[in-house]
Amino acid sequence: MDSSGKSDKKSKKKAPSPRRDGREAAVQYLYGNDISGEVDFSPERIAEFWEIRLAKSFAQDFTAELLTGIEEHLPEIDRSIRERLENFAFERLTAVDRNILRLGAFEILFADHIPPQAAINESIEIAKRFGTEESPKFINGILDKILKS
């Protein structure tokens, strides 16, 4: 029996920060829209989302801020992502990667109060949690191209 407590530390996961939780919720909401084939940012649809996705009020407010911005700038965000894809169609991206990229691109291009490198780092962390093994590197590459342009 290990008395060092190492196994206890590994089994306990730290709760995400409210901002990370808000970003993850935004990606989950965008993902739901994407796979349903709808672009629906209505207050009713968002309220339904919060019935199944628990979050603290700060995270919900941050998610709402992100979703509002993404909705307002979605054509520009998608165009920016498309322009940086090399030999790959936007439509062929996994829904998870596409929506993590949308979040990261929004924060880089339009959220002046969020440092761009923080937006990229957060997107990479979300990709590690929800994407494939290749997602973090791919997300980093595309968002870095957006930042440099």
C-alpha atoms as a PDB file:
ATOM      1  CA  MET A   1       0.000   0.000   0.000  1.00  0.00           C
ATOM      2  CA  ASP A   2       1.336   3.415  -0.990  1.00  0.00           C
ATOM      3  CA  SER A   3       1.254   5.814   1.934  1.00  0.00           C
ATOM      4  CA  SER A   4       2.771   8.713   0.012  1.00  0.00           C
ATOM      5  CA  GLY A   5      -0.615   9.962  -1.147  1.00  0.00           C
ATOM      6  CA  LYS A   6       0.483  10.092  -4.788  1.00  0.00           C
ATOM      7  CA  SER A   7      -2.474   8.048  -6.003  1.00  0.00           C
ATOM      8  CA  ASP A   8      -4.888  10.394  -4.245  1.00  0.00           C
ATOM      9  CA  LYS A   9      -3.374  13.429  -5.963  1.00  0.00           C
ATOM     10  CA  LYS A  10      -3.623  11.838  -9.392  1.00  0.00           C
ATOM     11  CA  SER A  11      -7.257  10.820  -8.954  1.00  0.00           C
ATOM     12  CA  LYS A  12      -8.424  14.315  -7.957  1.00  0.00           C
ATOM     13  CA  LYS A  13      -9.035  16.565 -10.918  1.00  0.00           C
ATOM     14  CA  LYS A  14      -8.930  20.277 -10.426  1.00  0.00           C
ATOM     15  CA  ALA A  15     -12.095  22.024 -11.529  1.00  0.00           C
ATOM     16  CA  PRO A  16     -11.571  24.276 -14.533  1.00  0.00           C
ATOM     17  CA  SER A  17     -11.369  28.009 -13.957  1.00  0.00           C
ATOM     18  CA  PRO A  18     -14.643  29.876 -14.606  1.00  0.00           C
ATOM     19  CA  ARG A  19     -13.201  31.310 -17.829  1.00  0.00           C
ATOM     20  CA  ARG A  20     -12.053  27.885 -19.044  1.00  0.00           C
ATOM     21  CA  ASP A  21     -15.440  26.468 -18.127  1.00  0.00           C
ATOM     22  CA  GLY A  22     -17.081  29.280 -20.091  1.00  0.00           C
ATOM     23  CA  ARG A  23     -14.889  28.578 -23.118  1.00  0.00           C
ATOM     24  CA  GLU A  24     -15.603  24.861 -22.925  1.00  0.00           C
ATOM     25  CA  ALA A  25     -19.329  25.557 -22.689  1.00  0.00           C
ATOM     26  CA  ALA A  26     -19.107  27.855 -25.728  1.00  0.00           C
ATOM     27  CA  VAL A  27     -17.382  25.110 -27.731  1.00  0.00           C
ATOM     28  CA  GLN A  28     -19.995  22.596 -26.595  1.00  0.00           C
ATOM     29  CA  TYR A  29     -22.821  24.925 -27.614  1.00  0.00           C
ATOM     30  CA  LEU A  30     -21.218  25.621 -31.006  1.00  0.00           C
ATOM     31  CA  TYR A  31     -20.632  21.893 -31.480  1.00  0.00           C
ATOM     32  CA  GLY A  32     -24.319  21.197 -30.807  1.00  0.00           C
ATOM     33  CA  ASN A  33     -25.312  23.785 -33.400  1.00  0.00           C
ATOM     34  CA  ASP A  34     -22.810  22.375 -35.865  1.00  0.00           C
ATOM     35  CA  ILE A  35     -23.901  18.737 -35.666  1.00  0.00           C
ATOM     36  CA  SER A  36     -27.592  19.677 -35.768  1.00  0.00           C
ATOM     37  CA  GLY A  37     -26.984  21.736 -38.898  1.00  0.00           C
ATOM     38  CA  GLU A  38     -28.547  24.815 -37.294  1.00  0.00           C
ATOM     39  CA  VAL A  39     -27.109  28.161 -36.386  1.00  0.00           C
ATOM     40  CA  ASP A  40     -29.328  29.075 -33.472  1.00  0.00           C
ATOM     41  CA  PHE A  41     -28.170  31.605 -30.915  1.00  0.00           C
ATOM     42  CA  SER A  42     -31.663  32.382 -29.648  1.00  0.00           C
ATOM     43  CA  PRO A  43     -32.114  33.006 -25.924  1.00  0.00           C
ATOM     44  CA  GLU A  44     -34.519  30.045 -25.790  1.00  0.00           C
ATOM     45  CA  ARG A  45     -31.977  27.648 -27.288  1.00  0.00           C
ATOM     46  CA  ILE A  46     -29.244  28.893 -24.978  1.00  0.00           C
ATOM     47  CA  ALA A  47     -31.563  28.510 -21.982  1.00  0.00           C
ATOM     48  CA  GLU A  48     -32.209  24.899 -23.030  1.00  0.00           C
ATOM     49  CA  PHE A  49     -28.452  24.368 -23.201  1.00  0.00           C
ATOM     50  CA  TRP A  50     -28.027  25.598 -19.614  1.00  0.00           C
ATOM     51  CA  GLU A  51     -30.661  23.119 -18.466  1.00  0.00           C
ATOM     52  CA  ILE A  52     -28.384  20.238 -19.451  1.00  0.00           C
ATOM     53  CA  ARG A  53     -24.957  21.882 -18.995  1.00  0.00           C
ATOM     54  CA  LEU A  54     -24.276  23.088 -15.467  1.00  0.00           C
ATOM     55  CA  ALA A  55     -22.050  26.102 -14.931  1.00  0.00           C
ATOM     56  CA  LYS A  56     -21.616  28.871 -12.407  1.00  0.00           C
ATOM     57  CA  SER A  57     -23.140  32.238 -13.256  1.00  0.00           C
ATOM     58  CA  PHE A  58     -19.773  33.828 -14.121  1.00  0.00           C
ATOM     59  CA  ALA A  59     -19.014  31.017 -16.587  1.00  0.00           C
ATOM     60  CA  GLN A  60     -22.497  31.379 -18.091  1.00  0.00           C
ATOM     61  CA  ASP A  61     -22.002  35.132 -18.497  1.00  0.00           C
ATOM     62  CA  PHE A  62     -18.599  34.617 -20.096  1.00  0.00           C
ATOM     63  CA  THR A  63     -20.060  31.973 -22.422  1.00  0.00           C
ATOM     64  CA  ALA A  64     -22.818  34.395 -23.431  1.00  0.00           C
ATOM     65  CA  GLU A  65     -20.201  37.064 -24.206  1.00  0.00           C
ATOM     66  CA  LEU A  66     -18.244  34.617 -26.346  1.00  0.00           C
ATOM     67  CA  LEU A  67     -21.308  33.303 -28.178  1.00  0.00           C
ATOM     68  CA  THR A  68     -22.585  36.818 -28.883  1.00  0.00           C
ATOM     69  CA  GLY A  69     -19.242  37.790 -30.376  1.00  0.00           C
ATOM     70  CA  ILE A  70     -18.952  34.616 -32.415  1.00  0.00           C
ATOM     71  CA  GLU A  71     -22.483  35.046 -33.734  1.00  0.00           C
ATOM     72  CA  GLU A  72     -21.760  38.657 -34.761  1.00  0.00           C
ATOM     73  CA  HIS A  73     -18.522  37.758 -36.543  1.00  0.00           C
ATOM     74  CA  LEU A  74     -19.111  34.180 -37.737  1.00  0.00           C
ATOM     75  CA  PRO A  75     -18.609  34.865 -41.486  1.00  0.00           C
ATOM     76  CA  GLU A  76     -15.300  36.675 -40.828  1.00  0.00           C
ATOM     77  CA  ILE A  77     -14.170  34.006 -38.361  1.00  0.00           C
ATOM     78  CA  ASP A  78     -14.894  31.166 -40.778  1.00  0.00           C
ATOM     79  CA  ARG A  79     -13.238  33.031 -43.651  1.00  0.00           C
ATOM     80  CA  SER A  80     -10.129  33.588 -41.538  1.00  0.00           C
ATOM     81  CA  ILE A  81      -9.934  29.875 -40.702  1.00  0.00           C
ATOM     82  CA  ARG A  82     -10.570  28.822 -44.326  1.00  0.00           C
ATOM     83  CA  GLU A  83      -7.762  31.071 -45.563  1.00  0.00           C
ATOM     84  CA  ARG A  84      -5.245  29.323 -43.294  1.00  0.00           C
ATOM     85  CA  LEU A  85      -6.180  25.738 -44.099  1.00  0.00           C
ATOM     86  CA  GLU A  86      -3.670  24.241 -46.495  1.00  0.00           C
ATOM     87  CA  ASN A  87      -4.850  21.354 -48.669  1.00  0.00           C
ATOM     88  CA  PHE A  88      -7.810  20.803 -46.386  1.00  0.00           C
ATOM     89  CA  ALA A  89     -11.469  21.751 -46.771  1.00  0.00           C
ATOM     90  CA  PHE A  90     -13.173  23.636 -43.952  1.00  0.00           C
ATOM     91  CA  GLU A  91     -16.107  21.231 -44.171  1.00  0.00           C
ATOM     92  CA  ARG A  92     -13.778  18.256 -43.571  1.00  0.00           C
ATOM     93  CA  LEU A  93     -12.629  19.550 -40.189  1.00  0.00           C
ATOM     94  CA  THR A  94     -14.050  17.612 -37.281  1.00  0.00           C
ATOM     95  CA  ALA A  95     -16.903  19.514 -35.657  1.00  0.00           C
ATOM     96  CA  VAL A  96     -14.884  19.725 -32.437  1.00  0.00           C
ATOM     97  CA  ASP A  97     -11.806  21.199 -34.126  1.00  0.00           C
ATOM     98  CA  ARG A  98     -13.882  23.581 -36.248  1.00  0.00           C
ATOM     99  CA  ASN A  99     -15.594  25.022 -33.197  1.00  0.00           C
ATOM    100  CA  ILE A 100     -12.461  25.255 -31.080  1.00  0.00           C
ATOM    101  CA  LEU A 101     -10.936  27.175 -33.993  1.00  0.00           C
ATOM    102  CA  ARG A 102     -13.985  29.442 -34.132  1.00  0.00           C
ATOM    103  CA  LEU A 103     -13.617  30.254 -30.452  1.00  0.00           C
ATOM    104  CA  GLY A 104      -9.875  30.851 -30.680  1.00  0.00           C
ATOM    105  CA  ALA A 105     -10.156  32.920 -33.868  1.00  0.00           C
ATOM    106  CA  PHE A 106     -12.876  35.070 -32.305  1.00  0.00           C
ATOM    107  CA  GLU A 107     -10.739  35.767 -29.252  1.00  0.00           C
ATOM    108  CA  ILE A 108      -7.663  36.585 -31.357  1.00  0.00           C
ATOM    109  CA  LEU A 109      -9.449  38.762 -33.903  1.00  0.00           C
ATOM    110  CA  PHE A 110     -12.214  40.468 -31.944  1.00  0.00           C
ATOM    111  CA  ALA A 111     -11.805  40.131 -28.158  1.00  0.00           C
ATOM    112  CA  ASP A 112      -9.410  42.971 -27.364  1.00  0.00           C
ATOM    113  CA  HIS A 113      -9.506  42.261 -23.633  1.00  0.00           C
ATOM    114  CA  ILE A 114      -8.105  38.734 -24.085  1.00  0.00           C
ATOM    115  CA  PRO A 115      -4.386  38.405 -24.857  1.00  0.00           C
ATOM    116  CA  PRO A 116      -4.024  36.472 -28.138  1.00  0.00           C
ATOM    117  CA  GLN A 117      -1.501  34.036 -26.692  1.00  0.00           C
ATOM    118  CA  ALA A 118      -3.911  33.246 -23.851  1.00  0.00           C
ATOM    119  CA  ALA A 119      -6.633  32.558 -26.447  1.00  0.00           C
ATOM    120  CA  ILE A 120      -4.327  30.148 -28.271  1.00  0.00           C
ATOM    121  CA  ASN A 121      -3.245  28.410 -25.068  1.00  0.00           C
ATOM    122  CA  GLU A 122      -6.835  28.010 -23.903  1.00  0.00           C
ATOM    123  CA  SER A 123      -7.865  26.604 -27.296  1.00  0.00           C
ATOM    124  CA  ILE A 124      -5.017  24.083 -27.149  1.00  0.00           C
ATOM    125  CA  GLU A 125      -6.082  22.962 -23.665  1.00  0.00           C
ATOM    126  CA  ILE A 126      -9.687  22.548 -24.810  1.00  0.00           C
ATOM    127  CA  ALA A 127      -8.449  20.575 -27.831  1.00  0.00           C
ATOM    128  CA  LYS A 128      -6.523  18.267 -25.490  1.00  0.00           C
ATOM    129  CA  ARG A 129      -9.719  17.582 -23.597  1.00  0.00           C
ATOM    130  CA  PHE A 130     -12.236  17.267 -26.428  1.00  0.00           C
ATOM    131  CA  GLY A 131     -10.294  16.714 -29.633  1.00  0.00           C
ATOM    132  CA  THR A 132      -8.200  13.956 -31.135  1.00  0.00           C
ATOM    133  CA  GLU A 133      -4.553  13.310 -30.412  1.00  0.00           C
ATOM    134  CA  GLU A 134      -3.634  15.542 -33.371  1.00  0.00           C
ATOM    135  CA  SER A 135      -6.044  18.355 -32.473  1.00  0.00           C
ATOM    136  CA  PRO A 136      -3.843  20.447 -30.136  1.00  0.00           C
ATOM    137  CA  LYS A 137      -0.993  20.753 -32.644  1.00  0.00           C
ATOM    138  CA  PHE A 138      -3.403  21.425 -35.523  1.00  0.00           C
ATOM    139  CA  ILE A 139      -5.342  24.064 -33.535  1.00  0.00           C
ATOM    140  CA  ASN A 140      -2.079  25.721 -32.487  1.00  0.00           C
ATOM    141  CA  GLY A 141      -0.851  25.900 -36.082  1.00  0.00           C
ATOM    142  CA  ILE A 142      -4.006  27.467 -37.505  1.00  0.00           C
ATOM    143  CA  LEU A 143      -4.490  29.955 -34.662  1.00  0.00           C
ATOM    144  CA  ASP A 144      -0.823  30.932 -34.806  1.00  0.00           C
ATOM    145  CA  LYS A 145      -1.257  31.711 -38.530  1.00  0.00           C
ATOM    146  CA  ILE A 146      -4.324  33.819 -37.710  1.00  0.00           C
ATOM    147  CA  LEU A 147      -2.389  35.695 -35.030  1.00  0.00           C
ATOM    148  CA  LYS A 148       0.541  36.414 -37.352  1.00  0.00           C
ATOM    149  CA  SER A 149      -1.639  37.693 -40.201  1.00  0.00           C
END
